Amino acid sequence: MRRNQGGFAGTEPVAPAGGAAGGFTLIELLVAVAMAAILLVIAVPTYESYAQSVKVTAAITDIMKISTAIGQYETVNGLTPPPNLSAIGMNGMLDPWGRPYVYLSFTGLTGKGPMRKDKNLVPINTEYDLYSVGADGQTRAPLTAPVSQDDVILANDGNYIGLASKY
């Protein structure tokens, strides 16, 4: 008896009824493409959401670092916040979206116009504002403004650091 490619003596490989050898049918290829598309539809938004939360966390960490440096400056300089971020050596710091952090010292400020405000239009800090304008790169003083919702803010004099939408 001879031994064939199939591994059993006396048996021959059987070809499909149409006579064609192996391969995928058009239906099988369409099903595979459809499954890949469904996975992409699920995976891409999940990845984008994850990437956005990583950037927000990085901005929170940066704001904590800047706030700590401001606190050290105040300790050395009689509880007066620095006039700008260059006074504490952090003027070139960019947020995760590639934009500079916004700092506003209230020392010598007249009126409450540029201060960040909560839903009742009350300033959210007493000495300075520090924030990132977020992914859209836009902001307005009231946190309730739609363009301010993605801002990462320092509020309650450092007791809250996070998204303006969650404040």
N, C-alpha and C. Protein backbone atom coordinates (compact mmCIF):
# COMPACT_ATOMS: atom_id res chain seq x y z
N MET A 1 0.83 -1.18 0.00
CA MET A 1 0.00 0.00 0.00
C MET A 1 0.87 1.23 0.00
N ARG A 2 0.40 2.15 -0.71
CA ARG A 2 1.18 3.38 -0.72
C ARG A 2 0.62 4.38 0.30
N ARG A 3 1.46 5.23 0.74
CA ARG A 3 1.06 6.22 1.75
C ARG A 3 0.89 7.56 1.04
N ASN A 4 -0.26 8.23 1.23
CA ASN A 4 -0.48 9.50 0.56
C ASN A 4 -0.24 10.68 1.51
N GLN A 5 -0.51 11.85 1.01
CA GLN A 5 -0.28 13.06 1.79
C GLN A 5 -1.22 13.15 3.00
N GLY A 6 -2.38 12.52 2.92
CA GLY A 6 -3.37 12.62 3.99
C GLY A 6 -2.96 11.85 5.23
N GLY A 7 -2.07 10.88 5.11
CA GLY A 7 -1.57 10.19 6.28
C GLY A 7 -2.12 8.81 6.48
N PHE A 8 -3.18 8.42 5.78
CA PHE A 8 -3.73 7.09 5.94
C PHE A 8 -3.50 6.29 4.66
N ALA A 9 -3.15 5.04 4.80
CA ALA A 9 -2.89 4.19 3.64
C ALA A 9 -4.20 3.89 2.92
N GLY A 10 -4.20 3.97 1.59
CA GLY A 10 -5.34 3.61 0.78
C GLY A 10 -6.41 4.67 0.68
N THR A 11 -6.18 5.87 1.21
CA THR A 11 -7.19 6.93 1.08
C THR A 11 -6.62 8.04 0.24
N GLU A 12 -7.46 8.63 -0.54
CA GLU A 12 -7.06 9.75 -1.38
C GLU A 12 -7.75 11.01 -0.87
N PRO A 13 -7.07 12.16 -0.98
CA PRO A 13 -7.75 13.40 -0.58
C PRO A 13 -8.99 13.62 -1.43
N VAL A 14 -10.02 14.13 -0.80
CA VAL A 14 -11.28 14.35 -1.50
C VAL A 14 -11.40 15.82 -1.85
N ALA A 15 -11.65 16.13 -3.13
CA ALA A 15 -11.82 17.51 -3.58
C ALA A 15 -13.26 17.91 -3.37
N PRO A 16 -13.53 19.19 -3.19
CA PRO A 16 -14.90 19.65 -3.06
C PRO A 16 -15.70 19.29 -4.30
N ALA A 17 -17.02 19.30 -4.18
CA ALA A 17 -17.90 18.87 -5.26
C ALA A 17 -17.68 19.67 -6.53
N GLY A 18 -17.39 20.95 -6.43
CA GLY A 18 -17.20 21.78 -7.60
C GLY A 18 -15.86 21.55 -8.26
N GLY A 19 -15.00 20.80 -7.67
CA GLY A 19 -13.70 20.50 -8.24
C GLY A 19 -12.64 21.52 -7.85
N ALA A 20 -12.97 22.58 -7.19
CA ALA A 20 -11.98 23.58 -6.80
C ALA A 20 -11.28 23.14 -5.53
N ALA A 21 -10.03 23.47 -5.42
CA ALA A 21 -9.27 23.13 -4.23
C ALA A 21 -9.30 24.31 -3.27
N GLY A 22 -9.42 24.08 -1.94
CA GLY A 22 -9.36 25.04 -0.84
C GLY A 22 -9.60 26.50 -1.19
N GLY A 23 -9.62 27.37 -0.18
CA GLY A 23 -9.82 28.79 -0.34
C GLY A 23 -11.04 29.25 0.42
N PHE A 24 -11.27 30.56 0.37
CA PHE A 24 -12.41 31.13 1.08
C PHE A 24 -13.47 31.56 0.08
N THR A 25 -14.70 31.42 0.48
CA THR A 25 -15.79 31.89 -0.38
C THR A 25 -15.98 33.38 -0.13
N LEU A 26 -16.69 34.01 -1.03
CA LEU A 26 -16.97 35.43 -0.89
C LEU A 26 -17.74 35.72 0.40
N ILE A 27 -18.67 34.87 0.75
CA ILE A 27 -19.45 35.03 1.99
C ILE A 27 -18.54 34.99 3.20
N GLU A 28 -17.62 34.04 3.22
CA GLU A 28 -16.70 33.93 4.36
C GLU A 28 -15.84 35.18 4.48
N LEU A 29 -15.36 35.71 3.36
CA LEU A 29 -14.56 36.94 3.39
C LEU A 29 -15.40 38.13 3.87
N LEU A 30 -16.64 38.23 3.42
CA LEU A 30 -17.51 39.32 3.87
C LEU A 30 -17.80 39.23 5.36
N VAL A 31 -18.00 38.03 5.86
CA VAL A 31 -18.24 37.85 7.29
C VAL A 31 -17.00 38.28 8.08
N ALA A 32 -15.82 37.91 7.60
CA ALA A 32 -14.59 38.28 8.30
C ALA A 32 -14.39 39.80 8.30
N VAL A 33 -14.66 40.45 7.17
CA VAL A 33 -14.54 41.90 7.09
C VAL A 33 -15.57 42.56 8.00
N ALA A 34 -16.78 42.06 8.03
CA ALA A 34 -17.82 42.62 8.90
C ALA A 34 -17.43 42.50 10.37
N MET A 35 -16.87 41.36 10.75
CA MET A 35 -16.44 41.18 12.14
C MET A 35 -15.31 42.14 12.49
N ALA A 36 -14.38 42.35 11.58
CA ALA A 36 -13.29 43.29 11.82
C ALA A 36 -13.83 44.71 11.96
N ALA A 37 -14.81 45.08 11.14
CA ALA A 37 -15.41 46.41 11.22
C ALA A 37 -16.13 46.61 12.55
N ILE A 38 -16.84 45.58 13.02
CA ILE A 38 -17.53 45.67 14.31
C ILE A 38 -16.53 45.85 15.43
N LEU A 39 -15.43 45.13 15.39
CA LEU A 39 -14.39 45.28 16.41
C LEU A 39 -13.80 46.69 16.40
N LEU A 40 -13.59 47.25 15.21
CA LEU A 40 -13.07 48.61 15.11
C LEU A 40 -14.06 49.63 15.67
N VAL A 41 -15.33 49.44 15.36
CA VAL A 41 -16.35 50.37 15.86
C VAL A 41 -16.37 50.37 17.39
N ILE A 42 -16.11 49.24 17.99
CA ILE A 42 -16.08 49.15 19.45
C ILE A 42 -14.75 49.64 20.00
N ALA A 43 -13.65 49.27 19.37
CA ALA A 43 -12.32 49.53 19.92
C ALA A 43 -11.87 50.98 19.79
N VAL A 44 -12.14 51.63 18.67
CA VAL A 44 -11.63 52.99 18.46
C VAL A 44 -12.17 53.98 19.48
N PRO A 45 -13.48 54.07 19.72
CA PRO A 45 -13.95 55.01 20.75
C PRO A 45 -13.42 54.67 22.15
N THR A 46 -13.29 53.39 22.44
CA THR A 46 -12.75 53.00 23.74
C THR A 46 -11.32 53.47 23.88
N TYR A 47 -10.52 53.31 22.84
CA TYR A 47 -9.13 53.76 22.87
C TYR A 47 -9.06 55.28 22.99
N GLU A 48 -9.89 55.98 22.22
CA GLU A 48 -9.87 57.44 22.28
C GLU A 48 -10.26 57.93 23.67
N SER A 49 -11.23 57.30 24.28
CA SER A 49 -11.64 57.66 25.63
C SER A 49 -10.51 57.42 26.62
N TYR A 50 -9.83 56.29 26.46
CA TYR A 50 -8.69 55.98 27.32
C TYR A 50 -7.57 57.00 27.12
N ALA A 51 -7.25 57.33 25.89
CA ALA A 51 -6.19 58.30 25.60
C ALA A 51 -6.54 59.66 26.20
N GLN A 52 -7.81 60.06 26.12
CA GLN A 52 -8.24 61.33 26.69
C GLN A 52 -8.10 61.33 28.21
N SER A 53 -8.47 60.23 28.86
CA SER A 53 -8.36 60.17 30.32
C SER A 53 -6.90 60.18 30.76
N VAL A 54 -6.02 59.60 29.96
CA VAL A 54 -4.58 59.65 30.27
C VAL A 54 -4.08 61.09 30.21
N LYS A 55 -4.53 61.84 29.21
CA LYS A 55 -4.12 63.24 29.08
C LYS A 55 -4.66 64.08 30.25
N VAL A 56 -5.89 63.83 30.65
CA VAL A 56 -6.47 64.56 31.78
C VAL A 56 -5.67 64.26 33.05
N THR A 57 -5.31 63.00 33.26
CA THR A 57 -4.52 62.63 34.44
C THR A 57 -3.16 63.30 34.40
N ALA A 58 -2.53 63.38 33.23
CA ALA A 58 -1.23 64.06 33.11
C ALA A 58 -1.38 65.56 33.43
N ALA A 59 -2.45 66.18 32.97
CA ALA A 59 -2.68 67.59 33.27
C ALA A 59 -2.91 67.81 34.76
N ILE A 60 -3.64 66.91 35.40
CA ILE A 60 -3.86 67.01 36.85
C ILE A 60 -2.52 66.94 37.59
N THR A 61 -1.67 66.02 37.17
CA THR A 61 -0.35 65.87 37.80
C THR A 61 0.48 67.13 37.60
N ASP A 62 0.48 67.69 36.39
CA ASP A 62 1.22 68.92 36.12
C ASP A 62 0.70 70.08 36.97
N ILE A 63 -0.62 70.20 37.07
CA ILE A 63 -1.20 71.29 37.87
C ILE A 63 -0.82 71.14 39.33
N MET A 64 -0.77 69.88 39.83
CA MET A 64 -0.32 69.66 41.20
C MET A 64 1.13 70.13 41.38
N LYS A 65 1.99 69.83 40.42
CA LYS A 65 3.39 70.25 40.49
C LYS A 65 3.51 71.77 40.49
N ILE A 66 2.77 72.42 39.60
CA ILE A 66 2.81 73.89 39.53
C ILE A 66 2.27 74.48 40.82
N SER A 67 1.18 73.93 41.33
CA SER A 67 0.59 74.42 42.58
C SER A 67 1.56 74.27 43.75
N THR A 68 2.28 73.16 43.79
CA THR A 68 3.29 72.96 44.84
C THR A 68 4.39 74.01 44.73
N ALA A 69 4.84 74.29 43.51
CA ALA A 69 5.88 75.31 43.31
C ALA A 69 5.37 76.69 43.71
N ILE A 70 4.09 76.97 43.43
CA ILE A 70 3.50 78.24 43.84
C ILE A 70 3.46 78.33 45.36
N GLY A 71 3.10 77.23 46.03
CA GLY A 71 3.09 77.20 47.50
C GLY A 71 4.47 77.45 48.08
N GLN A 72 5.50 76.89 47.47
CA GLN A 72 6.87 77.13 47.94
C GLN A 72 7.25 78.59 47.73
N TYR A 73 6.86 79.15 46.62
CA TYR A 73 7.12 80.57 46.35
C TYR A 73 6.45 81.44 47.41
N GLU A 74 5.20 81.12 47.73
CA GLU A 74 4.47 81.89 48.74
C GLU A 74 5.12 81.79 50.11
N THR A 75 5.65 80.62 50.44
CA THR A 75 6.33 80.44 51.72
C THR A 75 7.55 81.34 51.82
N VAL A 76 8.31 81.43 50.75
CA VAL A 76 9.53 82.24 50.74
C VAL A 76 9.22 83.73 50.63
N ASN A 77 8.15 84.08 49.94
CA ASN A 77 7.86 85.48 49.64
C ASN A 77 6.66 86.05 50.40
N GLY A 78 6.40 85.59 51.59
CA GLY A 78 5.38 86.19 52.44
C GLY A 78 3.96 85.99 51.97
N LEU A 79 3.59 84.78 51.58
CA LEU A 79 2.23 84.41 51.20
C LEU A 79 1.67 85.18 50.02
N THR A 80 2.53 85.70 49.19
CA THR A 80 2.10 86.37 47.97
C THR A 80 2.34 85.44 46.80
N PRO A 81 1.31 85.15 46.01
CA PRO A 81 1.54 84.26 44.86
C PRO A 81 2.44 84.93 43.82
N PRO A 82 3.14 84.14 43.03
CA PRO A 82 4.02 84.72 42.01
C PRO A 82 3.22 85.49 40.96
N PRO A 83 3.83 86.50 40.35
CA PRO A 83 3.11 87.27 39.33
C PRO A 83 2.82 86.47 38.06
N ASN A 84 3.69 85.49 37.78
CA ASN A 84 3.52 84.64 36.59
C ASN A 84 4.28 83.33 36.81
N LEU A 85 4.13 82.41 35.89
CA LEU A 85 4.78 81.10 36.04
C LEU A 85 6.28 81.17 35.82
N SER A 86 6.77 82.18 35.14
CA SER A 86 8.22 82.29 34.94
C SER A 86 8.93 82.59 36.26
N ALA A 87 8.23 83.20 37.22
CA ALA A 87 8.82 83.49 38.53
C ALA A 87 9.14 82.21 39.31
N ILE A 88 8.48 81.10 38.96
CA ILE A 88 8.76 79.82 39.61
C ILE A 88 9.42 78.83 38.65
N GLY A 89 9.84 79.33 37.49
CA GLY A 89 10.55 78.50 36.52
C GLY A 89 9.69 77.51 35.76
N MET A 90 8.39 77.79 35.63
CA MET A 90 7.51 76.85 34.93
C MET A 90 6.73 77.51 33.81
N ASN A 91 7.29 78.56 33.22
CA ASN A 91 6.56 79.26 32.16
C ASN A 91 6.54 78.51 30.84
N GLY A 92 7.45 77.58 30.61
CA GLY A 92 7.47 76.85 29.35
C GLY A 92 6.73 75.53 29.39
N MET A 93 6.08 75.25 30.49
CA MET A 93 5.39 73.97 30.65
C MET A 93 4.13 73.93 29.80
N LEU A 94 4.01 72.86 29.01
CA LEU A 94 2.83 72.70 28.15
C LEU A 94 1.94 71.59 28.70
N ASP A 95 0.64 71.76 28.48
CA ASP A 95 -0.29 70.71 28.88
C ASP A 95 -0.20 69.54 27.89
N PRO A 96 -0.87 68.43 28.16
CA PRO A 96 -0.79 67.27 27.27
C PRO A 96 -1.31 67.52 25.85
N TRP A 97 -2.04 68.60 25.64
CA TRP A 97 -2.55 68.95 24.32
C TRP A 97 -1.62 69.93 23.60
N GLY A 98 -0.48 70.25 24.23
CA GLY A 98 0.52 71.11 23.60
C GLY A 98 0.32 72.60 23.80
N ARG A 99 -0.49 72.99 24.77
CA ARG A 99 -0.75 74.40 25.03
C ARG A 99 -0.20 74.79 26.41
N PRO A 100 0.18 76.05 26.59
CA PRO A 100 0.68 76.45 27.91
C PRO A 100 -0.44 76.47 28.95
N TYR A 101 -0.07 76.18 30.20
CA TYR A 101 -1.03 76.28 31.29
C TYR A 101 -1.36 77.76 31.52
N VAL A 102 -2.59 78.02 31.94
CA VAL A 102 -3.03 79.38 32.17
C VAL A 102 -2.95 79.66 33.67
N TYR A 103 -2.27 80.76 34.02
CA TYR A 103 -2.11 81.17 35.41
C TYR A 103 -2.52 82.62 35.52
N LEU A 104 -3.34 82.92 36.52
CA LEU A 104 -3.76 84.29 36.78
C LEU A 104 -3.66 84.55 38.27
N SER A 105 -2.72 85.43 38.65
CA SER A 105 -2.61 85.83 40.05
C SER A 105 -3.63 86.93 40.31
N PHE A 106 -4.30 86.86 41.46
CA PHE A 106 -5.30 87.87 41.79
C PHE A 106 -4.68 89.09 42.47
N THR A 107 -3.39 89.05 42.76
CA THR A 107 -2.71 90.17 43.40
C THR A 107 -2.79 91.39 42.49
N GLY A 108 -3.37 92.45 42.99
CA GLY A 108 -3.51 93.69 42.23
C GLY A 108 -4.62 93.67 41.19
N LEU A 109 -5.39 92.62 41.15
CA LEU A 109 -6.47 92.51 40.18
C LEU A 109 -7.68 93.31 40.65
N THR A 110 -8.23 94.12 39.78
CA THR A 110 -9.44 94.87 40.13
C THR A 110 -10.63 94.22 39.42
N GLY A 111 -11.65 93.93 40.15
CA GLY A 111 -12.82 93.27 39.60
C GLY A 111 -12.63 91.76 39.51
N LYS A 112 -13.71 91.06 39.19
CA LYS A 112 -13.66 89.60 39.13
C LYS A 112 -13.79 89.09 37.70
N GLY A 113 -13.70 89.97 36.72
CA GLY A 113 -13.91 89.62 35.32
C GLY A 113 -13.16 88.39 34.83
N PRO A 114 -11.82 88.37 34.91
CA PRO A 114 -11.08 87.24 34.34
C PRO A 114 -11.01 85.98 35.23
N MET A 115 -11.49 86.09 36.47
CA MET A 115 -11.42 84.94 37.39
C MET A 115 -12.35 83.82 36.91
N ARG A 116 -11.93 82.56 37.15
CA ARG A 116 -12.80 81.42 36.85
C ARG A 116 -13.93 81.39 37.87
N LYS A 117 -15.14 81.10 37.38
CA LYS A 117 -16.32 81.16 38.25
C LYS A 117 -17.14 79.88 38.17
N ASP A 118 -17.82 79.57 39.28
CA ASP A 118 -18.69 78.39 39.31
C ASP A 118 -20.05 78.74 38.72
N LYS A 119 -21.01 77.83 38.88
CA LYS A 119 -22.35 78.04 38.28
C LYS A 119 -23.07 79.26 38.83
N ASN A 120 -22.70 79.70 40.03
CA ASN A 120 -23.31 80.88 40.64
C ASN A 120 -22.50 82.15 40.35
N LEU A 121 -21.51 82.02 39.44
CA LEU A 121 -20.61 83.10 39.05
C LEU A 121 -19.79 83.63 40.22
N VAL A 122 -19.46 82.74 41.14
CA VAL A 122 -18.59 83.05 42.26
C VAL A 122 -17.20 82.52 41.93
N PRO A 123 -16.15 83.31 42.14
CA PRO A 123 -14.80 82.83 41.85
C PRO A 123 -14.50 81.52 42.59
N ILE A 124 -13.81 80.59 41.91
CA ILE A 124 -13.55 79.27 42.48
C ILE A 124 -12.27 79.23 43.31
N ASN A 125 -11.48 80.30 43.29
CA ASN A 125 -10.25 80.39 44.08
C ASN A 125 -10.15 81.78 44.71
N THR A 126 -9.28 81.91 45.70
CA THR A 126 -9.13 83.21 46.36
C THR A 126 -7.81 83.91 46.05
N GLU A 127 -6.78 83.17 45.62
CA GLU A 127 -5.47 83.79 45.38
C GLU A 127 -5.04 83.78 43.92
N TYR A 128 -5.35 82.70 43.21
CA TYR A 128 -4.95 82.59 41.80
C TYR A 128 -5.75 81.50 41.11
N ASP A 129 -5.81 81.60 39.78
CA ASP A 129 -6.40 80.54 38.96
C ASP A 129 -5.28 79.85 38.20
N LEU A 130 -5.40 78.54 38.07
CA LEU A 130 -4.44 77.73 37.33
C LEU A 130 -5.22 76.65 36.63
N TYR A 131 -5.05 76.55 35.31
CA TYR A 131 -5.81 75.55 34.56
C TYR A 131 -5.22 75.29 33.19
N SER A 132 -5.67 74.19 32.59
CA SER A 132 -5.40 73.84 31.21
C SER A 132 -6.69 74.07 30.44
N VAL A 133 -6.59 74.58 29.23
CA VAL A 133 -7.80 74.84 28.45
C VAL A 133 -8.38 73.57 27.83
N GLY A 134 -7.74 72.43 28.05
CA GLY A 134 -8.30 71.15 27.62
C GLY A 134 -8.11 70.84 26.15
N ALA A 135 -8.79 69.81 25.70
CA ALA A 135 -8.61 69.28 24.35
C ALA A 135 -9.04 70.27 23.26
N ASP A 136 -10.10 71.04 23.52
CA ASP A 136 -10.59 71.93 22.47
C ASP A 136 -9.81 73.23 22.37
N GLY A 137 -8.98 73.54 23.36
CA GLY A 137 -8.15 74.74 23.31
C GLY A 137 -8.92 76.02 23.54
N GLN A 138 -10.16 75.92 24.00
CA GLN A 138 -10.99 77.10 24.23
C GLN A 138 -11.47 77.13 25.67
N THR A 139 -11.74 78.33 26.17
CA THR A 139 -12.26 78.46 27.52
C THR A 139 -12.99 79.78 27.69
N ARG A 140 -13.78 79.84 28.74
CA ARG A 140 -14.42 81.08 29.18
C ARG A 140 -14.37 81.08 30.70
N ALA A 141 -14.52 82.23 31.30
CA ALA A 141 -14.41 82.34 32.77
C ALA A 141 -15.42 81.47 33.52
N PRO A 142 -16.72 81.48 33.15
CA PRO A 142 -17.64 80.60 33.88
C PRO A 142 -17.43 79.14 33.48
N LEU A 143 -17.35 78.27 34.46
CA LEU A 143 -17.14 76.85 34.19
C LEU A 143 -18.34 76.20 33.51
N THR A 144 -19.49 76.86 33.57
CA THR A 144 -20.70 76.31 32.96
C THR A 144 -20.73 76.51 31.44
N ALA A 145 -19.85 77.34 30.91
CA ALA A 145 -19.80 77.55 29.46
C ALA A 145 -19.41 76.23 28.78
N PRO A 146 -20.06 75.88 27.68
CA PRO A 146 -19.74 74.61 27.00
C PRO A 146 -18.27 74.44 26.65
N VAL A 147 -17.59 75.52 26.25
CA VAL A 147 -16.17 75.41 25.89
C VAL A 147 -15.27 75.21 27.10
N SER A 148 -15.79 75.43 28.30
CA SER A 148 -14.99 75.27 29.52
C SER A 148 -15.12 73.88 30.13
N GLN A 149 -16.04 73.08 29.65
CA GLN A 149 -16.31 71.79 30.26
C GLN A 149 -15.13 70.83 30.23
N ASP A 150 -14.27 70.93 29.21
CA ASP A 150 -13.12 70.02 29.12
C ASP A 150 -11.86 70.59 29.75
N ASP A 151 -11.95 71.77 30.37
CA ASP A 151 -10.79 72.36 31.04
C ASP A 151 -10.41 71.54 32.27
N VAL A 152 -9.12 71.46 32.54
CA VAL A 152 -8.64 70.82 33.76
C VAL A 152 -8.26 71.96 34.69
N ILE A 153 -8.94 72.05 35.83
CA ILE A 153 -8.85 73.23 36.69
C ILE A 153 -8.33 72.90 38.09
N LEU A 154 -7.81 73.92 38.73
CA LEU A 154 -7.53 73.89 40.16
C LEU A 154 -8.62 74.76 40.78
N ALA A 155 -9.36 74.22 41.74
CA ALA A 155 -10.46 74.97 42.36
C ALA A 155 -10.41 74.79 43.87
N ASN A 156 -11.18 75.60 44.57
CA ASN A 156 -11.24 75.58 46.04
C ASN A 156 -9.83 75.69 46.63
N ASP A 157 -9.03 76.57 46.04
CA ASP A 157 -7.65 76.81 46.49
C ASP A 157 -6.83 75.53 46.58
N GLY A 158 -7.01 74.65 45.61
CA GLY A 158 -6.23 73.42 45.53
C GLY A 158 -6.89 72.19 46.10
N ASN A 159 -8.07 72.33 46.69
CA ASN A 159 -8.76 71.16 47.22
C ASN A 159 -9.45 70.34 46.14
N TYR A 160 -9.58 70.90 44.94
CA TYR A 160 -10.11 70.14 43.80
C TYR A 160 -9.22 70.40 42.61
N ILE A 161 -8.76 69.34 41.97
CA ILE A 161 -8.05 69.45 40.69
C ILE A 161 -8.65 68.38 39.79
N GLY A 162 -9.22 68.81 38.67
CA GLY A 162 -9.86 67.86 37.77
C GLY A 162 -10.61 68.58 36.67
N LEU A 163 -11.46 67.83 35.98
CA LEU A 163 -12.25 68.40 34.89
C LEU A 163 -13.28 69.39 35.42
N ALA A 164 -13.43 70.48 34.68
CA ALA A 164 -14.43 71.48 35.06
C ALA A 164 -15.84 70.89 35.02
N SER A 165 -16.08 69.95 34.12
CA SER A 165 -17.41 69.34 34.01
C SER A 165 -17.79 68.55 35.24
N LYS A 166 -16.81 68.13 36.03
CA LYS A 166 -17.09 67.33 37.23
C LYS A 166 -17.02 68.16 38.51
N TYR A 167 -16.76 69.45 38.38
CA TYR A 167 -16.66 70.31 39.56
C TYR A 167 -18.03 70.74 40.02
